[in-house]
Structures are given as structure tokens and as C-alpha cells.
Protein backbone atom coordinates (compact mmCIF):
# COMPACT_ATOMS: atom_id res chain seq x y z
CA UNK A 1 -11.62 8.30 -0.78
CA UNK A 2 -12.25 4.71 0.08
CA UNK A 3 -12.19 3.68 3.66
CA UNK A 4 -13.37 0.49 5.28
CA UNK A 5 -17.01 0.34 6.31
CA UNK A 6 -20.21 2.27 6.72
CA UNK A 7 -22.63 2.44 9.60
CA UNK A 8 -26.36 2.19 9.82
CA UNK A 9 -29.03 2.80 12.40
CA UNK A 10 -28.93 -0.85 13.48
CA UNK A 11 -25.42 -0.61 14.86
CA UNK A 12 -21.91 -0.68 13.53
CA UNK A 13 -21.88 -1.45 9.86
CA UNK A 14 -23.99 -1.20 6.73
CA UNK A 15 -24.35 -4.37 4.67
CA UNK A 16 -24.12 -2.44 1.40
CA UNK A 17 -20.80 -0.92 2.40
CA UNK A 18 -19.41 -4.31 3.45
CA UNK A 19 -20.37 -5.76 0.07
CA UNK A 20 -18.77 -2.80 -1.73
CA UNK A 21 -15.42 -3.14 0.00
CA UNK A 22 -15.40 -6.93 0.00
CA UNK A 23 -15.90 -6.83 -3.76
CA UNK A 24 -12.78 -4.69 -4.06
CA UNK A 25 -10.69 -6.79 -1.65
CA UNK A 26 -8.66 -8.66 -4.26
CA UNK A 27 -7.68 -5.35 -5.92
CA UNK A 28 -6.79 -3.46 -2.74
CA UNK A 29 -3.04 -3.88 -3.06
CA UNK A 30 -2.91 -3.23 -6.81
CA UNK A 31 -1.30 0.24 -7.06
CA UNK A 32 -2.92 0.82 -10.45
CA UNK A 33 -6.32 -0.61 -9.53
CA UNK A 34 -9.42 0.97 -7.95
CA UNK A 35 -7.42 1.84 -4.81
CA UNK A 36 -4.86 3.84 -6.78
CA UNK A 37 -5.76 7.16 -5.10
CA UNK A 38 -5.13 5.66 -1.67
CA UNK A 39 -1.80 4.20 -2.79
CA UNK A 40 -0.73 7.64 -4.02
CA UNK A 41 -1.98 9.41 -0.89
CA UNK A 42 -0.72 6.93 1.68
CA UNK A 43 2.93 8.04 2.06
CA UNK A 44 1.95 11.66 2.74
CA UNK A 45 -0.77 10.89 5.26
CA UNK A 46 1.30 8.24 7.08
CA UNK A 47 4.32 10.54 7.35
CA UNK A 48 2.12 13.31 8.77
CA UNK A 49 0.59 10.97 11.32
CA UNK A 50 3.87 9.32 12.32
CA UNK A 51 5.62 12.65 12.93
CA UNK A 52 2.87 13.72 15.33
CA UNK A 53 2.76 10.41 17.17
CA UNK A 54 6.49 10.52 17.78
CA UNK A 55 6.28 14.10 18.99
CA UNK A 56 3.62 13.10 21.52
CA UNK A 57 5.11 9.73 22.51
CA UNK A 58 8.90 10.01 22.06
CA UNK A 59 9.54 6.92 24.21
CA UNK A 60 7.73 4.71 21.70
CA UNK A 61 5.69 1.68 22.68
CA UNK A 62 2.58 3.08 21.00
CA UNK A 63 -0.53 0.89 20.66
CA UNK A 64 -2.51 2.03 17.63
CA UNK A 65 -5.98 1.11 16.41
CA UNK A 66 -6.71 1.64 12.70
CA UNK A 67 -10.51 1.69 12.32
CA UNK A 68 -11.91 0.88 8.89
CA UNK A 69 -8.53 -0.46 7.81
CA UNK A 70 -9.74 -2.26 4.69
CA UNK A 71 -6.97 -4.51 3.40
CA UNK A 72 -4.34 -2.70 5.43
CA UNK A 73 -2.63 0.02 3.39
CA UNK A 74 -2.32 2.36 6.36
CA UNK A 75 -2.05 -0.38 8.98
CA UNK A 76 1.00 -1.95 7.32
CA UNK A 77 2.67 1.39 6.74
CA UNK A 78 2.20 2.38 10.39
CA UNK A 79 3.47 -0.99 11.61
CA UNK A 80 6.60 -0.59 9.48
CA UNK A 81 7.26 2.61 11.40
CA UNK A 82 7.36 0.64 14.64
CA UNK A 83 3.86 1.17 16.03
CA UNK A 84 1.97 -1.78 17.52
CA UNK A 85 -1.06 -1.80 15.21
CA UNK A 86 -4.47 -3.46 15.36
CA UNK A 87 -6.38 -3.09 12.09
CA UNK A 88 -10.16 -3.31 12.42
CA UNK A 89 -12.73 -3.67 9.66
CA UNK A 90 -16.12 -5.32 9.20
CA UNK A 91 -15.36 -6.56 5.67
CA UNK A 92 -14.28 -10.20 6.01
CA UNK A 93 -12.61 -10.48 2.62
CA UNK A 94 -10.68 -7.26 3.09
CA UNK A 95 -9.36 -8.47 6.43
CA UNK A 96 -8.40 -11.81 4.87
CA UNK A 97 -6.45 -9.98 2.16
CA UNK A 98 -4.81 -7.78 4.81
CA UNK A 99 -3.66 -10.81 6.78
CA UNK A 100 -2.36 -12.56 3.69
CA UNK A 101 -0.42 -9.50 2.55
CA UNK A 102 1.20 -9.04 5.97
CA UNK A 103 2.06 -12.73 6.37
CA UNK A 104 5.77 -13.39 6.76
CA UNK A 105 6.72 -9.73 7.17
CA UNK A 106 7.23 -9.98 10.95
CA UNK A 107 5.43 -6.71 11.61
CA UNK A 108 3.89 -5.60 14.94
CA UNK A 109 0.49 -5.94 13.32
CA UNK A 110 -2.74 -7.85 13.90
CA UNK A 111 -6.16 -7.70 12.29
CA UNK A 112 -9.66 -8.21 13.60
CA UNK A 113 -13.02 -8.37 11.85
CA UNK A 114 -15.62 -6.20 13.53
CA UNK A 115 -16.64 -2.67 14.44
CA UNK A 116 -15.30 -0.22 17.03
CA UNK A 117 -18.40 -0.70 19.17
CA UNK A 118 -17.42 -4.36 19.53
CA UNK A 119 -14.16 -3.34 21.17
CA UNK A 120 -15.96 -1.03 23.59
CA UNK A 121 -18.43 -3.76 24.49
CA UNK A 122 -15.53 -6.08 25.30
CA UNK A 123 -13.91 -3.51 27.56
CA UNK A 124 -10.70 -3.34 25.55
CA UNK A 125 -7.93 -1.18 26.99
CA UNK A 126 -7.92 2.24 25.30
CA UNK A 127 -5.26 2.91 22.69
CA UNK A 128 -2.62 5.62 22.65
CA UNK A 129 -3.60 6.40 19.06
CA UNK A 130 -6.69 5.73 16.96
CA UNK A 131 -6.87 6.41 13.22
CA UNK A 132 -9.94 6.49 10.97
CA UNK A 133 -8.77 7.36 7.48
CA UNK A 134 -11.23 7.98 4.65
CA UNK A 135 -13.98 6.28 6.66
CA UNK A 136 -16.24 8.87 8.27
CA UNK A 137 -17.76 9.96 4.94
CA UNK A 138 -19.16 6.44 4.60
CA UNK A 139 -21.03 6.27 7.92
CA UNK A 140 -24.65 7.23 8.57
CA UNK A 141 -24.11 8.68 12.07
CA UNK A 142 -20.82 10.57 11.94
CA UNK A 143 -21.17 12.26 15.39
CA UNK A 144 -21.84 8.87 16.99
CA UNK A 145 -18.93 7.35 15.11
CA UNK A 146 -16.63 10.08 16.40
CA UNK A 147 -17.83 9.49 19.97
CA UNK A 148 -17.03 5.80 19.60
CA UNK A 149 -13.57 6.54 18.25
CA UNK A 150 -12.87 9.00 21.07
CA UNK A 151 -13.92 6.46 23.69
CA UNK A 152 -11.24 4.10 22.37
CA UNK A 153 -8.47 6.68 22.88
CA UNK A 154 -6.71 6.87 26.24
CA UNK A 155 -6.67 10.24 28.04
CA UNK A 156 -3.90 12.32 26.48
CA UNK A 157 -3.88 10.09 23.42
CA UNK A 158 -4.37 11.07 19.80
CA UNK A 159 -7.16 10.57 17.29
CA UNK A 160 -6.50 11.07 13.56
CA UNK A 161 -9.39 11.47 11.14
CA UNK A 162 -9.01 12.08 7.41
CA UNK A 163 -11.91 12.78 5.10
CA UNK A 164 -13.29 15.05 2.37
CA UNK A 165 -14.51 18.61 2.76
CA UNK A 166 -17.98 19.46 1.44
CA UNK A 167 -17.20 22.19 -1.08
CA UNK A 168 -17.94 22.91 -4.71
CA UNK A 169 -14.35 22.01 -5.50
CA UNK A 170 -14.61 18.62 -3.79
CA UNK A 171 -17.81 17.89 -5.70
CA UNK A 172 -16.11 18.62 -9.01
CA UNK A 173 -12.84 16.84 -8.27
CA UNK A 174 -13.51 14.04 -5.79
CA UNK A 175 -16.98 13.12 -7.04
CA UNK A 176 -17.47 14.07 -10.70
CA UNK A 177 -13.81 14.07 -11.72
CA UNK A 178 -12.57 11.03 -9.80
CA UNK A 179 -15.59 8.80 -10.37
CA UNK A 180 -17.08 9.82 -13.72
CA UNK A 181 -14.38 11.56 -15.75
CA UNK A 182 -11.04 10.07 -14.73
CA UNK A 183 -12.48 6.79 -13.40
CA UNK A 184 -10.02 6.83 -10.50
CA UNK A 185 -12.71 5.43 -8.20
CA UNK A 186 -15.70 3.17 -8.82
CA UNK A 187 -18.86 5.15 -9.63
CA UNK A 188 -20.98 5.54 -6.51
CA UNK A 189 -18.06 5.42 -4.09
CA UNK A 190 -18.99 8.75 -2.52
CA UNK A 191 -22.07 10.69 -1.58
CA UNK A 192 -21.00 14.34 -1.64
CA UNK A 193 -23.67 15.13 0.95
CA UNK A 194 -21.74 12.96 3.41
CA UNK A 195 -18.53 14.96 3.05
CA UNK A 196 -17.56 16.70 6.30
CA UNK A 197 -16.48 20.35 6.61
CA UNK A 198 -13.53 20.81 8.99
CA UNK A 199 -15.57 23.04 11.33
CA UNK A 200 -18.21 20.32 11.61
CA UNK A 201 -15.61 17.66 12.37
CA UNK A 202 -14.03 19.93 14.97
CA UNK A 203 -17.42 20.39 16.63
CA UNK A 204 -18.07 16.64 16.73
CA UNK A 205 -14.62 16.02 18.17
CA UNK A 206 -15.17 18.67 20.82
CA UNK A 207 -18.48 17.09 21.82
CA UNK A 208 -16.63 13.77 22.14
CA UNK A 209 -14.04 15.23 24.51
CA UNK A 210 -11.27 15.81 21.98
CA UNK A 211 -9.44 18.99 20.99
CA UNK A 212 -8.12 19.52 17.47
CA UNK A 213 -4.42 20.37 17.70
CA UNK A 214 -3.46 20.31 14.02
CA UNK A 215 -5.07 20.01 10.61
CA UNK A 216 -3.67 19.80 7.10
CA UNK A 217 -4.86 19.39 3.56
CA UNK A 218 -3.89 16.32 1.53
CA UNK A 219 -3.04 17.53 -1.96
CA UNK A 220 -2.05 15.85 -5.24
CA UNK A 221 1.55 16.57 -6.21
CA UNK A 222 1.69 15.93 -9.98
CA UNK A 223 5.36 16.89 -10.28
CA UNK A 224 6.37 14.11 -7.90
CA UNK A 225 3.64 11.68 -8.84
CA UNK A 226 2.21 11.46 -5.34
CA UNK A 227 0.57 13.60 -2.69
CA UNK A 228 1.73 16.13 -0.12
CA UNK A 229 0.35 17.93 2.89
CA UNK A 230 -0.46 21.64 2.82
CA UNK A 231 -2.86 24.31 4.05
CA UNK A 232 -5.53 23.91 1.37
CA UNK A 233 -8.40 22.06 3.07
CA UNK A 234 -10.91 22.43 0.26
CA UNK A 235 -10.91 18.78 -0.83
CA UNK A 236 -9.03 16.17 1.25
CA UNK A 237 -7.80 16.91 4.75
CA UNK A 238 -6.58 15.21 7.92
CA UNK A 239 -7.06 16.30 11.53
CA UNK A 240 -5.14 15.45 14.69
CA UNK A 241 -7.12 15.63 17.94
CA UNK A 242 -6.11 15.07 21.55
CA UNK A 243 -8.36 13.21 23.98
CA UNK A 244 -8.93 15.20 27.15
């Protein structure tokens, strides 16, 4: 799926990824446009995340960082659920669209252009929750990216990562089917070799000082016209990890 930005050896973001997502910025909020899969998936993934945040922080007052937020599909949805959200992305146009879409809604939501390393360099106070949804498959150094995310989570806080499993089924459905046959995503959106098996993600999270406490598949639900969570992790999945 589409996230916000990629990463290269020079630092936070890859120029090619910024150009890709900036080019899509004006279509981000079109539910029948190139972001259609994210629009369909968003209610299921946000409900799953919100339930777990409230279970961990029942008193509320949760500060949340949404890394690779794009034009704000997840950020807005999380803010509507009462979380104090900062959306972060390196794509200027996407952030501009996010701000314009949120204008006048009186949501606990702000946006910033940049990369997570920028926040660390500025000594920002860690967040209770960090999300990186459909982003990690677009970065060149996933273990380093996970370490950066984990460093932005306060001890006892939660990190949510959603991505694509590297399986034959994901190659056929998320790459060949979605990009070439059904044209649900622009061709070239994904590199199947960058998809992340759950065991690999769990290892990276462990090395970063986080423990996976729950994991679920994100599955199309044709009967209802949307998506649902389940135990099939073979294509899309989402993990919840706790910072030690």
C-alpha cells in the first residue's frame, strides 16, 4: 500500500519517493482515485489501533505521531477519535493537502514536513503512540527506520506498524493484481522484495527495544465493501509493539 516517504543512505528520505507521493497529493482524498485501497482499508486499521490505544491509556490525553502520514487519511481519522495527533511527512505537497483538508474541522491535529530523524535531532518529547502505516516497505533501511520510530516512543508506549508480507500470495495480489491487472495502484508503487515478513519485523522491533504484543491481518471484505482484521497475515498485516 501507499505510505508517505522512502529513505535512502543519505538520511531520511528518497527524492524519488517524495516526487511519487507529491504527484499523487491532489488525488489523495479522492475515494475512487489512486488511494482507493487506503480509503477502503482505513476504517479497519484505525479501529484496531484505537481499541488498543484506549486499552493501554484509558485516561486519554494521548500524544500520537503518525510517520509518513501523506495527506492525512490516518492522521485525521485518529484525531477524530480524540487523540492529539502530529502528522509527519517529507512530501511538501502532501502535507499542504493534509492541512487544507483538515482546515476548519477543529481537530486536535497538526502537520509537519520532515522526517522522524529531524524530531530526534530536535530533542522532541517522546510520544505515547507512534504509527507508521504502509511506509516501511518504501524505505531502504528498514531496521534503521524501526530504530528511529522506537526512539520516538516513550517507555511503555505503543508503536504500530502496518505493511505487506513477502509471500507468493502478496506478489500475485498486491503487486501483479493491484498494479497491473486491477489498476488499483499506480504501476511501480511497490517492490515486492521490500515487503516484510512478520518474523522479520518482530526481530527488528526486538532489536529496537520493543516487544510485539498483538498482530493481525488486514483483509478485503467484499461483502461489506471494505476491509476487516483477521488472522491471515499472508498479504497485509498490522503489528502492535510496546516500548520497553
